[in-house]
PDB file of N, CA and C in Angstrom:
ATOM      1  N   MET A   1       1.074  -1.345   0.174  1.00  0.00           N
ATOM      2  CA  MET A   1      -0.287  -0.085   0.139  1.00  0.00           C
ATOM      3  C   MET A   1       0.709   1.373  -0.017  1.00  0.00           C
ATOM      4  N   PHE A   2       1.646   1.784   1.105  1.00  0.00           N
ATOM      5  CA  PHE A   2       2.005   2.842   1.066  1.00  0.00           C
ATOM      6  C   PHE A   2       3.636   2.510   1.860  1.00  0.00           C
ATOM      7  N   ALA A   3       4.249   3.078   1.470  1.00  0.00           N
ATOM      8  CA  ALA A   3       6.031   2.908   2.151  1.00  0.00           C
ATOM      9  C   ALA A   3       5.785   3.510   3.223  1.00  0.00           C
ATOM     10  N   LYS A   4       6.659   2.660   4.370  1.00  0.00           N
ATOM     11  CA  LYS A   4       6.939   3.427   5.778  1.00  0.00           C
ATOM     12  C   LYS A   4       7.901   4.809   5.524  1.00  0.00           C
ATOM     13  N   ASN A   5       7.350   5.891   6.194  1.00  0.00           N
ATOM     14  CA  ASN A   5       7.799   7.687   5.935  1.00  0.00           C
ATOM     15  C   ASN A   5       8.170   7.694   7.116  1.00  0.00           C
ATOM     16  N   VAL A   6       6.990   7.693   8.398  1.00  0.00           N
ATOM     17  CA  VAL A   6       7.272   8.170   9.525  1.00  0.00           C
ATOM     18  C   VAL A   6       8.173   7.368  10.610  1.00  0.00           C
ATOM     19  N   GLY A   7       9.440   8.065  11.120  1.00  0.00           N
ATOM     20  CA  GLY A   7       9.744   7.829  12.040  1.00  0.00           C
ATOM     21  C   GLY A   7       9.509   7.909  13.051  1.00  0.00           C
ATOM     22  N   GLY A   8      10.484   7.024  14.323  1.00  0.00           N
ATOM     23  CA  GLY A   8      10.419   6.877  15.853  1.00  0.00           C
ATOM     24  C   GLY A   8       9.779   8.479  16.242  1.00  0.00           C
ATOM     25  N   ILE A   9      10.455   9.564  16.811  1.00  0.00           N
ATOM     26  CA  ILE A   9      10.166  10.834  17.058  1.00  0.00           C
ATOM     27  C   ILE A   9       8.443  11.227  16.774  1.00  0.00           C
ATOM     28  N   ASP A  10       8.454  11.310  15.276  1.00  0.00           N
ATOM     29  CA  ASP A  10       7.112  11.893  14.687  1.00  0.00           C
ATOM     30  C   ASP A  10       6.355  10.876  14.679  1.00  0.00           C
ATOM     31  N   LYS A  11       6.519   9.726  14.969  1.00  0.00           N
ATOM     32  CA  LYS A  11       5.423   8.704  15.399  1.00  0.00           C
ATOM     33  C   LYS A  11       5.074   9.020  16.612  1.00  0.00           C
ATOM     34  N   ILE A  12       6.033   8.801  17.473  1.00  0.00           N
ATOM     35  CA  ILE A  12       5.229   9.237  18.863  1.00  0.00           C
ATOM     36  C   ILE A  12       4.610  10.565  19.105  1.00  0.00           C
ATOM     37  N   LEU A  13       5.079  11.336  18.612  1.00  0.00           N
ATOM     38  CA  LEU A  13       4.405  13.025  18.457  1.00  0.00           C
ATOM     39  C   LEU A  13       3.008  12.688  17.569  1.00  0.00           C
ATOM     40  N   ARG A  14       2.824  11.764  16.505  1.00  0.00           N
ATOM     41  CA  ARG A  14       1.795  12.138  16.096  1.00  0.00           C
ATOM     42  C   ARG A  14       0.572  11.449  17.037  1.00  0.00           C
ATOM     43  N   ILE A  15       1.149  10.092  17.563  1.00  0.00           N
ATOM     44  CA  ILE A  15      -0.110   9.336  18.485  1.00  0.00           C
ATOM     45  C   ILE A  15      -0.587  10.272  19.416  1.00  0.00           C
ATOM     46  N   VAL A  16       0.922  10.569  20.180  1.00  0.00           N
ATOM     47  CA  VAL A  16       0.123  11.660  21.434  1.00  0.00           C
ATOM     48  C   VAL A  16      -0.714  13.161  20.851  1.00  0.00           C
ATOM     49  N   VAL A  17       0.047  13.721  19.702  1.00  0.00           N
ATOM     50  CA  VAL A  17      -0.899  14.614  19.539  1.00  0.00           C
ATOM     51  C   VAL A  17      -2.588  14.598  19.575  1.00  0.00           C
ATOM     52  N   GLY A  18      -2.809  12.979  18.626  1.00  0.00           N
ATOM     53  CA  GLY A  18      -4.044  12.925  17.938  1.00  0.00           C
ATOM     54  C   GLY A  18      -4.699  12.283  18.952  1.00  0.00           C
ATOM     55  N   ALA A  19      -3.700  11.439  19.941  1.00  0.00           N
ATOM     56  CA  ALA A  19      -4.923  11.187  21.069  1.00  0.00           C
ATOM     57  C   ALA A  19      -5.253  12.502  22.208  1.00  0.00           C
ATOM     58  N   LEU A  20      -4.652  13.232  22.135  1.00  0.00           N
ATOM     59  CA  LEU A  20      -5.086  14.526  23.319  1.00  0.00           C
ATOM     60  C   LEU A  20      -5.987  15.518  22.315  1.00  0.00           C
ATOM     61  N   LEU A  21      -6.277  15.095  21.282  1.00  0.00           N
ATOM     62  CA  LEU A  21      -7.253  15.862  20.565  1.00  0.00           C
ATOM     63  C   LEU A  21      -8.519  15.429  20.838  1.00  0.00           C
ATOM     64  N   ILE A  22      -8.457  13.777  20.809  1.00  0.00           N
ATOM     65  CA  ILE A  22      -9.615  12.772  20.673  1.00  0.00           C
ATOM     66  C   ILE A  22     -10.052  12.802  22.203  1.00  0.00           C
ATOM     67  N   LEU A  23      -8.920  13.134  23.014  1.00  0.00           N
ATOM     68  CA  LEU A  23      -9.646  13.032  24.656  1.00  0.00           C
ATOM     69  C   LEU A  23     -10.072  14.395  25.024  1.00  0.00           C
ATOM     70  N   ALA A  24      -9.449  15.609  24.245  1.00  0.00           N
ATOM     71  CA  ALA A  24     -10.362  16.913  24.580  1.00  0.00           C
ATOM     72  C   ALA A  24     -11.792  16.943  24.366  1.00  0.00           C
ATOM     73  N   TYR A  25     -12.207  16.120  23.678  1.00  0.00           N
ATOM     74  CA  TYR A  25     -13.419  16.153  23.225  1.00  0.00           C
ATOM     75  C   TYR A  25     -13.994  15.801  24.074  1.00  0.00           C
ATOM     76  N   PHE A  26     -14.117  15.084  25.029  1.00  0.00           N
ATOM     77  CA  PHE A  26     -14.821  14.667  26.399  1.00  0.00           C
ATOM     78  C   PHE A  26     -14.329  15.963  27.232  1.00  0.00           C
ATOM     79  N   PHE A  27     -13.581  16.798  27.504  1.00  0.00           N
ATOM     80  CA  PHE A  27     -13.536  18.058  28.449  1.00  0.00           C
ATOM     81  C   PHE A  27     -13.937  19.074  27.822  1.00  0.00           C
ATOM     82  N   THR A  28     -13.992  19.523  26.864  1.00  0.00           N
ATOM     83  CA  THR A  28     -14.455  20.552  26.053  1.00  0.00           C
ATOM     84  C   THR A  28     -16.109  20.689  25.846  1.00  0.00           C
ATOM     85  N   ASP A  29     -16.533  21.926  25.427  1.00  0.00           N
ATOM     86  CA  ASP A  29     -17.897  21.886  25.013  1.00  0.00           C
ATOM     87  C   ASP A  29     -18.049  23.428  24.309  1.00  0.00           C
ATOM     88  N   GLY A  30     -18.517  23.518  23.464  1.00  0.00           N
ATOM     89  CA  GLY A  30     -18.912  24.827  22.740  1.00  0.00           C
ATOM     90  C   GLY A  30     -18.505  24.978  21.196  1.00  0.00           C
ATOM     91  N   PRO A  31     -17.978  25.719  20.939  1.00  0.00           N
ATOM     92  CA  PRO A  31     -17.848  25.886  19.518  1.00  0.00           C
ATOM     93  C   PRO A  31     -16.744  24.857  18.700  1.00  0.00           C
ATOM     94  N   TYR A  32     -15.545  24.560  19.734  1.00  0.00           N
ATOM     95  CA  TYR A  32     -14.697  23.988  19.183  1.00  0.00           C
ATOM     96  C   TYR A  32     -14.585  22.346  19.765  1.00  0.00           C
ATOM     97  N   SER A  33     -15.652  21.881  19.832  1.00  0.00           N
ATOM     98  CA  SER A  33     -15.864  20.492  20.327  1.00  0.00           C
ATOM     99  C   SER A  33     -15.421  19.479  18.963  1.00  0.00           C
ATOM    100  N   TRP A  34     -15.596  20.065  17.738  1.00  0.00           N
ATOM    101  CA  TRP A  34     -15.408  19.417  16.636  1.00  0.00           C
ATOM    102  C   TRP A  34     -13.805  18.789  16.409  1.00  0.00           C
ATOM    103  N   LEU A  35     -12.978  19.561  17.023  1.00  0.00           N
ATOM    104  CA  LEU A  35     -11.325  19.362  16.803  1.00  0.00           C
ATOM    105  C   LEU A  35     -11.311  17.884  16.959  1.00  0.00           C
ATOM    106  N   TYR A  36     -11.716  17.081  18.267  1.00  0.00           N
ATOM    107  CA  TYR A  36     -11.474  15.808  17.913  1.00  0.00           C
ATOM    108  C   TYR A  36     -11.303  15.167  16.738  1.00  0.00           C
ATOM    109  N   LEU A  37     -12.204  15.228  15.678  1.00  0.00           N
ATOM    110  CA  LEU A  37     -12.509  14.886  14.403  1.00  0.00           C
ATOM    111  C   LEU A  37     -10.680  15.351  14.082  1.00  0.00           C
ATOM    112  N   LEU A  38     -10.150  16.760  13.843  1.00  0.00           N
ATOM    113  CA  LEU A  38      -8.915  16.534  13.748  1.00  0.00           C
ATOM    114  C   LEU A  38      -7.572  15.593  13.965  1.00  0.00           C
ATOM    115  N   GLY A  39      -8.145  15.044  15.162  1.00  0.00           N
ATOM    116  CA  GLY A  39      -7.348  14.115  16.185  1.00  0.00           C
ATOM    117  C   GLY A  39      -7.097  12.743  15.468  1.00  0.00           C
ATOM    118  N   ILE A  40      -7.836  12.301  14.649  1.00  0.00           N
ATOM    119  CA  ILE A  40      -8.030  11.283  13.671  1.00  0.00           C
ATOM    120  C   ILE A  40      -6.696  10.944  13.052  1.00  0.00           C
ATOM    121  N   ILE A  41      -6.419  12.244  12.376  1.00  0.00           N
ATOM    122  CA  ILE A  41      -5.734  12.152  11.189  1.00  0.00           C
ATOM    123  C   ILE A  41      -3.990  11.986  11.887  1.00  0.00           C
ATOM    124  N   PRO A  42      -3.786  12.385  12.799  1.00  0.00           N
ATOM    125  CA  PRO A  42      -2.312  12.328  13.347  1.00  0.00           C
ATOM    126  C   PRO A  42      -2.143  10.896  13.942  1.00  0.00           C
ATOM    127  N   LEU A  43      -3.378  10.532  15.052  1.00  0.00           N
ATOM    128  CA  LEU A  43      -3.460   9.641  15.456  1.00  0.00           C
ATOM    129  C   LEU A  43      -3.044   8.051  14.357  1.00  0.00           C
ATOM    130  N   VAL A  44      -3.756   8.278  12.840  1.00  0.00           N
ATOM    131  CA  VAL A  44      -4.036   7.233  12.068  1.00  0.00           C
ATOM    132  C   VAL A  44      -2.341   7.171  11.890  1.00  0.00           C
ATOM    133  N   THR A  45      -1.990   8.001  11.129  1.00  0.00           N
ATOM    134  CA  THR A  45      -1.058   8.181  10.437  1.00  0.00           C
ATOM    135  C   THR A  45       0.280   7.687  11.231  1.00  0.00           C
ATOM    136  N   GLY A  46       0.251   7.942  12.615  1.00  0.00           N
ATOM    137  CA  GLY A  46       1.130   7.659  13.474  1.00  0.00           C
ATOM    138  C   GLY A  46       1.043   6.138  13.810  1.00  0.00           C
ATOM    139  N   LEU A  47       0.205   5.737  13.774  1.00  0.00           N
ATOM    140  CA  LEU A  47      -0.194   4.153  14.301  1.00  0.00           C
ATOM    141  C   LEU A  47       0.208   3.344  12.902  1.00  0.00           C
ATOM    142  N   LEU A  48       0.032   3.576  11.571  1.00  0.00           N
ATOM    143  CA  LEU A  48       0.123   3.118  10.419  1.00  0.00           C
ATOM    144  C   LEU A  48       1.909   3.441   9.525  1.00  0.00           C
ATOM    145  N   GLY A  49       2.418   4.340  10.224  1.00  0.00           N
ATOM    146  CA  GLY A  49       3.694   4.894  10.305  1.00  0.00           C
ATOM    147  C   GLY A  49       3.944   5.270   8.844  1.00  0.00           C
ATOM    148  N   THR A  50       2.876   5.863   7.738  1.00  0.00           N
ATOM    149  CA  THR A  50       2.832   6.325   6.718  1.00  0.00           C
ATOM    150  C   THR A  50       1.838   7.660   6.762  1.00  0.00           C
ATOM    151  N   CYS A  51       2.217   8.838   5.888  1.00  0.00           N
ATOM    152  CA  CYS A  51       1.831  10.155   5.947  1.00  0.00           C
ATOM    153  C   CYS A  51       1.605  10.134   4.485  1.00  0.00           C
ATOM    154  N   PRO A  52       0.312  10.369   3.908  1.00  0.00           N
ATOM    155  CA  PRO A  52       0.219  10.793   2.209  1.00  0.00           C
ATOM    156  C   PRO A  52       1.093  12.050   2.022  1.00  0.00           C
ATOM    157  N   LEU A  53       0.882  13.114   2.880  1.00  0.00           N
ATOM    158  CA  LEU A  53       1.563  14.358   2.803  1.00  0.00           C
ATOM    159  C   LEU A  53       2.783  14.386   2.248  1.00  0.00           C
ATOM    160  N   TYR A  54       3.510  13.335   3.377  1.00  0.00           N
ATOM    161  CA  TYR A  54       5.167  13.047   3.073  1.00  0.00           C
ATOM    162  C   TYR A  54       5.301  12.415   1.841  1.00  0.00           C
ATOM    163  N   SER A  55       4.917  11.710   1.725  1.00  0.00           N
ATOM    164  CA  SER A  55       4.555  10.607   0.208  1.00  0.00           C
ATOM    165  C   SER A  55       4.969  11.787  -1.137  1.00  0.00           C
ATOM    166  N   ILE A  56       3.932  12.928  -0.961  1.00  0.00           N
ATOM    167  CA  ILE A  56       3.959  13.790  -1.846  1.00  0.00           C
ATOM    168  C   ILE A  56       4.554  15.166  -1.957  1.00  0.00           C
ATOM    169  N   PHE A  57       5.418  15.188  -0.913  1.00  0.00           N
ATOM    170  CA  PHE A  57       6.514  16.224  -0.696  1.00  0.00           C
ATOM    171  C   PHE A  57       7.604  15.275  -0.775  1.00  0.00           C
ATOM    172  N   GLY A  58       7.994  14.403  -0.791  1.00  0.00           N
ATOM    173  CA  GLY A  58       9.049  13.299  -0.865  1.00  0.00           C
ATOM    174  C   GLY A  58       9.962  13.459   0.663  1.00  0.00           C
ATOM    175  N   ILE A  59       9.228  13.738   1.855  1.00  0.00           N
ATOM    176  CA  ILE A  59       9.694  13.570   3.031  1.00  0.00           C
ATOM    177  C   ILE A  59       9.503  11.960   3.474  1.00  0.00           C
ATOM    178  N   ASN A  60      10.566  11.869   4.383  1.00  0.00           N
ATOM    179  CA  ASN A  60      11.000  10.599   4.858  1.00  0.00           C
ATOM    180  C   ASN A  60      11.535  10.694   6.156  1.00  0.00           C
ATOM    181  N   THR A  61      10.906  10.589   7.437  1.00  0.00           N
ATOM    182  CA  THR A  61      11.317  10.528   8.690  1.00  0.00           C
ATOM    183  C   THR A  61      12.265   9.344   9.106  1.00  0.00           C
ATOM    184  N   CYS A  62      11.472   8.451   8.440  1.00  0.00           N
ATOM    185  CA  CYS A  62      12.068   6.803   8.961  1.00  0.00           C
ATOM    186  C   CYS A  62      13.574   6.544   8.743  1.00  0.00           C
ATOM    187  N   PRO A  63      14.078   6.067   9.855  1.00  0.00           N
ATOM    188  CA  PRO A  63      15.530   5.644   9.264  1.00  0.00           C
ATOM    189  C   PRO A  63      15.725   4.394   8.212  1.00  0.00           C
ATOM    190  N   ARG A  64      16.864   4.713   7.482  1.00  0.00           N
ATOM    191  CA  ARG A  64      16.943   3.279   6.439  1.00  0.00           C
ATOM    192  C   ARG A  64      17.150   1.863   7.231  1.00  0.00           C
ATOM    193  N   LYS A  65      16.569   1.350   6.506  1.00  0.00           N
ATOM    194  CA  LYS A  65      17.164  -0.259   7.015  1.00  0.00           C
ATOM    195  C   LYS A  65      18.484  -0.521   6.718  1.00  0.00           C
TER     196      LYS A  65
END
């Protein structure tokens, strides 16, 4: 499918930011409660280890094997 292009620290940051945005849904109310939807993107790209935007721009933070 997609080549792995998200490496160590990048992957951890994506998972943490995504999880925090999703958790914020339970603690916020009002006009910004929809932000949890944005948390799905970094969470999924961090868990899968691939980012479509990185592929488009030719960025690779994953170390070579």
